[in-house]
N, C-alpha and C. Protein backbone atom coordinates (compact mmCIF):
# COMPACT_ATOMS: atom_id res chain seq x y z
N UNK A 1 20.33 81.48 -42.17
CA UNK A 1 20.94 81.34 -43.02
C UNK A 1 22.97 81.08 -42.72
N UNK A 2 23.96 80.44 -43.24
CA UNK A 2 25.01 80.74 -43.34
C UNK A 2 25.61 82.00 -43.95
N UNK A 3 25.93 82.89 -43.11
CA UNK A 3 26.48 83.96 -44.17
C UNK A 3 27.90 84.42 -44.32
N UNK A 4 29.16 83.40 -43.50
CA UNK A 4 30.29 83.94 -43.94
C UNK A 4 31.05 82.59 -45.13
N UNK A 5 31.73 83.36 -45.37
CA UNK A 5 32.22 82.99 -46.87
C UNK A 5 33.23 81.48 -45.69
N UNK A 6 32.50 79.96 -46.42
CA UNK A 6 33.21 79.02 -45.79
C UNK A 6 34.53 78.53 -47.21
N UNK A 7 35.57 77.83 -46.67
CA UNK A 7 36.86 77.31 -47.90
C UNK A 7 36.21 75.92 -47.58
N UNK A 8 36.19 75.37 -48.65
CA UNK A 8 36.21 73.72 -48.52
C UNK A 8 37.60 73.35 -49.41
N UNK A 9 37.93 72.14 -49.18
CA UNK A 9 38.42 71.43 -50.14
C UNK A 9 38.54 70.21 -51.08
N UNK A 10 38.81 70.23 -51.63
CA UNK A 10 38.40 68.93 -53.07
C UNK A 10 39.91 67.99 -52.21
N UNK A 11 38.59 66.67 -52.23
CA UNK A 11 39.34 65.63 -52.26
C UNK A 11 39.81 64.93 -53.32
N UNK A 12 40.06 63.32 -53.33
CA UNK A 12 39.74 62.45 -54.05
C UNK A 12 38.77 62.69 -54.92
N UNK A 13 38.91 62.17 -55.96
CA UNK A 13 37.86 61.89 -56.79
C UNK A 13 36.67 63.01 -56.83
N UNK A 14 37.13 64.19 -57.13
CA UNK A 14 36.42 65.60 -56.98
C UNK A 14 35.56 65.55 -55.50
N UNK A 15 35.72 65.19 -54.86
CA UNK A 15 34.68 65.13 -53.53
C UNK A 15 34.92 66.47 -52.84
N UNK A 16 33.25 67.27 -52.52
CA UNK A 16 33.80 67.83 -51.91
C UNK A 16 32.69 68.18 -50.73
N UNK A 17 33.21 67.99 -49.59
CA UNK A 17 32.22 68.32 -48.36
C UNK A 17 31.51 69.43 -47.50
N UNK A 18 30.38 69.07 -48.05
CA UNK A 18 29.50 70.36 -47.27
C UNK A 18 29.66 70.81 -46.14
N UNK A 19 30.10 71.75 -45.02
CA UNK A 19 30.19 71.88 -43.81
C UNK A 19 28.61 71.91 -43.08
N UNK A 20 28.77 71.01 -41.79
CA UNK A 20 27.88 70.83 -41.72
C UNK A 20 26.72 71.55 -40.98
N UNK A 21 26.90 72.89 -40.87
CA UNK A 21 26.38 74.34 -40.91
C UNK A 21 25.50 74.81 -41.71
N UNK A 22 25.75 74.67 -43.23
CA UNK A 22 25.76 75.18 -44.45
C UNK A 22 24.25 73.83 -44.66
N UNK A 23 25.10 72.56 -44.21
CA UNK A 23 23.44 71.53 -44.45
C UNK A 23 22.52 71.43 -44.30
N UNK A 24 23.03 72.00 -42.53
CA UNK A 24 21.47 72.05 -41.53
C UNK A 24 21.05 73.11 -41.92
N UNK A 25 20.91 74.24 -42.21
CA UNK A 25 20.93 75.85 -42.71
C UNK A 25 19.69 75.46 -44.38
N UNK A 26 20.37 74.28 -44.68
CA UNK A 26 19.23 74.00 -46.05
C UNK A 26 18.71 73.16 -45.99
N UNK A 27 18.77 72.43 -44.96
CA UNK A 27 17.83 71.20 -44.84
C UNK A 27 18.81 70.04 -45.73
N UNK A 28 19.80 69.75 -46.20
CA UNK A 28 20.48 69.04 -47.31
C UNK A 28 20.64 67.55 -46.03
N UNK A 29 20.30 66.83 -46.56
CA UNK A 29 20.41 65.62 -45.69
C UNK A 29 20.58 64.51 -46.74
N UNK A 30 21.85 63.42 -46.53
CA UNK A 30 21.89 62.38 -47.43
C UNK A 30 20.83 62.00 -48.28
N UNK A 31 21.08 62.04 -49.71
CA UNK A 31 20.10 61.52 -50.58
C UNK A 31 19.42 63.29 -50.96
N UNK A 32 19.80 63.97 -50.29
CA UNK A 32 19.14 65.21 -51.36
C UNK A 32 19.65 65.56 -52.32
N UNK A 33 19.06 65.86 -53.52
CA UNK A 33 19.21 65.91 -54.78
C UNK A 33 19.65 67.33 -55.10
N UNK A 34 20.97 67.99 -55.57
CA UNK A 34 21.62 69.06 -55.59
C UNK A 34 21.54 69.81 -57.13
N UNK A 35 20.93 70.77 -57.81
CA UNK A 35 21.45 71.09 -59.26
C UNK A 35 22.66 71.86 -58.96
N UNK A 36 23.53 71.27 -60.10
CA UNK A 36 24.98 72.36 -60.12
C UNK A 36 25.13 72.81 -61.81
N UNK A 37 25.49 74.51 -61.59
CA UNK A 37 25.56 74.73 -62.64
C UNK A 37 26.63 76.01 -62.66
N UNK A 38 27.41 76.30 -63.55
CA UNK A 38 28.69 77.11 -63.61
C UNK A 38 28.27 78.45 -64.25
N UNK A 39 29.18 79.40 -63.61
CA UNK A 39 28.29 80.33 -64.47
C UNK A 39 29.91 81.31 -63.78
N UNK A 40 30.69 81.37 -65.15
CA UNK A 40 32.18 82.16 -65.03
C UNK A 40 33.20 80.74 -64.09
N UNK A 41 33.80 81.46 -63.26
CA UNK A 41 34.23 81.18 -62.06
C UNK A 41 33.56 80.01 -61.27
N UNK A 42 32.17 80.66 -60.90
CA UNK A 42 31.61 80.10 -59.95
C UNK A 42 30.69 78.56 -60.38
N UNK A 43 30.86 77.83 -59.02
CA UNK A 43 29.97 76.85 -58.82
C UNK A 43 28.43 77.31 -58.29
N UNK A 44 27.42 77.15 -58.65
CA UNK A 44 26.40 77.03 -57.83
C UNK A 44 25.81 75.86 -57.64
N UNK A 45 25.51 75.96 -56.43
CA UNK A 45 24.66 74.60 -55.76
C UNK A 45 23.33 75.00 -55.49
N UNK A 46 22.17 74.46 -56.29
CA UNK A 46 20.90 74.34 -55.25
C UNK A 46 20.07 73.59 -54.95
N UNK A 47 19.42 73.75 -54.27
CA UNK A 47 18.76 71.72 -53.56
C UNK A 47 17.10 72.27 -54.12
N UNK A 48 17.28 70.79 -54.96
CA UNK A 48 16.17 70.43 -55.63
C UNK A 48 15.16 70.14 -55.13
N UNK A 49 13.85 70.52 -55.47
CA UNK A 49 12.65 70.14 -54.77
C UNK A 49 12.29 69.11 -55.91
N UNK A 50 12.29 67.86 -55.60
CA UNK A 50 12.05 66.20 -56.33
C UNK A 50 10.30 66.61 -56.73
N UNK A 51 9.84 66.69 -55.27
CA UNK A 51 8.93 66.68 -55.70
C UNK A 51 7.97 67.87 -56.23
N UNK A 52 8.72 69.01 -56.65
CA UNK A 52 8.14 69.98 -56.79
C UNK A 52 8.12 69.71 -58.67
N UNK A 53 9.11 69.28 -58.98
CA UNK A 53 9.79 68.77 -60.31
C UNK A 53 9.16 67.27 -60.52
N UNK A 54 8.87 66.74 -60.34
CA UNK A 54 8.00 65.58 -60.60
C UNK A 54 6.41 65.55 -60.46
N UNK A 55 6.23 66.75 -59.99
CA UNK A 55 4.72 67.69 -60.18
C UNK A 55 4.20 68.23 -61.22
N UNK A 56 5.90 68.89 -61.89
CA UNK A 56 5.79 69.80 -63.20
C UNK A 56 5.80 68.84 -64.32
N UNK A 57 6.61 67.39 -64.47
CA UNK A 57 6.34 66.89 -65.42
C UNK A 57 5.43 66.04 -65.51
N UNK A 58 4.51 65.64 -64.26
CA UNK A 58 3.64 65.26 -64.41
C UNK A 58 2.42 66.08 -65.03
N UNK A 59 2.35 67.31 -64.98
CA UNK A 59 1.38 67.72 -65.70
C UNK A 59 1.37 67.78 -67.02
N UNK A 60 2.58 67.27 -67.66
CA UNK A 60 2.89 67.37 -69.37
C UNK A 60 2.43 65.68 -69.79
N UNK A 61 1.98 64.85 -68.63
CA UNK A 61 1.75 63.23 -69.32
C UNK A 61 0.48 63.08 -69.86
N UNK A 62 0.51 62.33 -70.79
CA UNK A 62 -1.14 62.53 -70.68
C UNK A 62 -1.33 60.74 -70.89
N UNK A 63 -1.90 60.30 -69.47
CA UNK A 63 -3.02 59.43 -69.09
C UNK A 63 -4.06 59.52 -69.02
N UNK A 64 -4.62 58.21 -69.71
CA UNK A 64 -6.15 57.79 -69.49
C UNK A 64 -5.70 56.51 -68.42
N UNK A 65 -6.42 57.07 -67.26
CA UNK A 65 -6.62 56.39 -66.25
C UNK A 65 -7.29 55.15 -66.22
N UNK A 66 -8.59 55.08 -67.29
CA UNK A 66 -9.54 53.31 -66.94
C UNK A 66 -8.51 52.83 -67.61
N UNK A 67 -8.04 53.36 -68.83
CA UNK A 67 -6.96 52.71 -70.09
C UNK A 67 -6.30 51.66 -69.14
N UNK A 68 -5.05 52.99 -67.95
CA UNK A 68 -4.08 51.99 -67.27
C UNK A 68 -4.63 50.84 -66.49
N UNK A 69 -5.63 51.24 -65.87
CA UNK A 69 -6.41 50.29 -64.99
C UNK A 69 -7.15 48.83 -65.95
N UNK A 70 -7.40 48.68 -66.80
CA UNK A 70 -8.21 48.01 -68.15
C UNK A 70 -6.75 46.90 -68.25
N UNK A 71 -5.52 48.24 -68.22
CA UNK A 71 -4.44 47.21 -68.58
C UNK A 71 -3.30 46.12 -67.66
N UNK A 72 -3.68 47.32 -66.33
CA UNK A 72 -3.31 46.38 -65.13
C UNK A 72 -4.33 45.04 -64.75
N UNK A 73 -5.39 45.72 -65.39
CA UNK A 73 -6.51 43.94 -64.94
C UNK A 73 -6.00 43.06 -65.88
N UNK A 74 -5.93 42.97 -66.99
CA UNK A 74 -5.32 42.37 -68.30
C UNK A 74 -4.10 41.79 -67.78
N UNK A 75 -3.35 42.47 -67.21
CA UNK A 75 -2.07 41.69 -67.12
C UNK A 75 -1.96 40.85 -65.87
N UNK A 76 -2.85 41.23 -64.81
CA UNK A 76 -3.05 40.17 -63.60
C UNK A 76 -3.82 39.01 -63.86
N UNK A 77 -4.69 39.14 -64.88
CA UNK A 77 -5.59 37.90 -65.27
C UNK A 77 -4.48 36.79 -65.93
N UNK A 78 -4.22 37.47 -66.98
CA UNK A 78 -2.60 36.48 -67.92
C UNK A 78 -1.78 35.73 -66.52
N UNK A 79 -1.61 36.61 -65.81
CA UNK A 79 -0.48 35.94 -64.76
C UNK A 79 -1.30 34.90 -64.16
N UNK A 80 -2.56 35.08 -63.13
CA UNK A 80 -3.41 34.39 -62.56
C UNK A 80 -3.41 32.68 -63.69
N UNK A 81 -3.74 33.28 -64.90
CA UNK A 81 -3.58 31.96 -65.94
C UNK A 81 -2.76 31.22 -65.87
N UNK A 82 -1.58 31.97 -65.89
CA UNK A 82 -0.14 30.94 -66.32
C UNK A 82 0.21 30.64 -65.00
N UNK A 83 -0.13 30.89 -63.92
CA UNK A 83 -0.06 30.47 -62.75
C UNK A 83 -0.73 29.06 -62.25
N UNK A 84 -2.18 29.24 -62.69
CA UNK A 84 -2.95 28.42 -62.27
C UNK A 84 -2.37 26.78 -63.08
N UNK A 85 -1.98 27.76 -64.39
CA UNK A 85 -1.39 26.45 -65.14
C UNK A 85 0.07 25.79 -64.66
N UNK A 86 0.63 25.69 -63.67
CA UNK A 86 2.18 25.23 -63.21
C UNK A 86 1.60 24.27 -62.26
């Protein structure tokens, strides 16, 4: 873990470049989602675990898999009927 206090400069359009040591220590790659919050005069960034968030949201979904499969089958049949008519 990076323990030193680092300084970064805010560039055009508010862009901040995270130092390589910080990105490596936290496993931040291009496309990583960070959550940001402001506490007083502090800006706190947290690496967001997208899969954990999706699993959490998925638990609240009410899905009937049989009904969803039937709807997909019906949509496939309709598409095939239209394709045969061309």
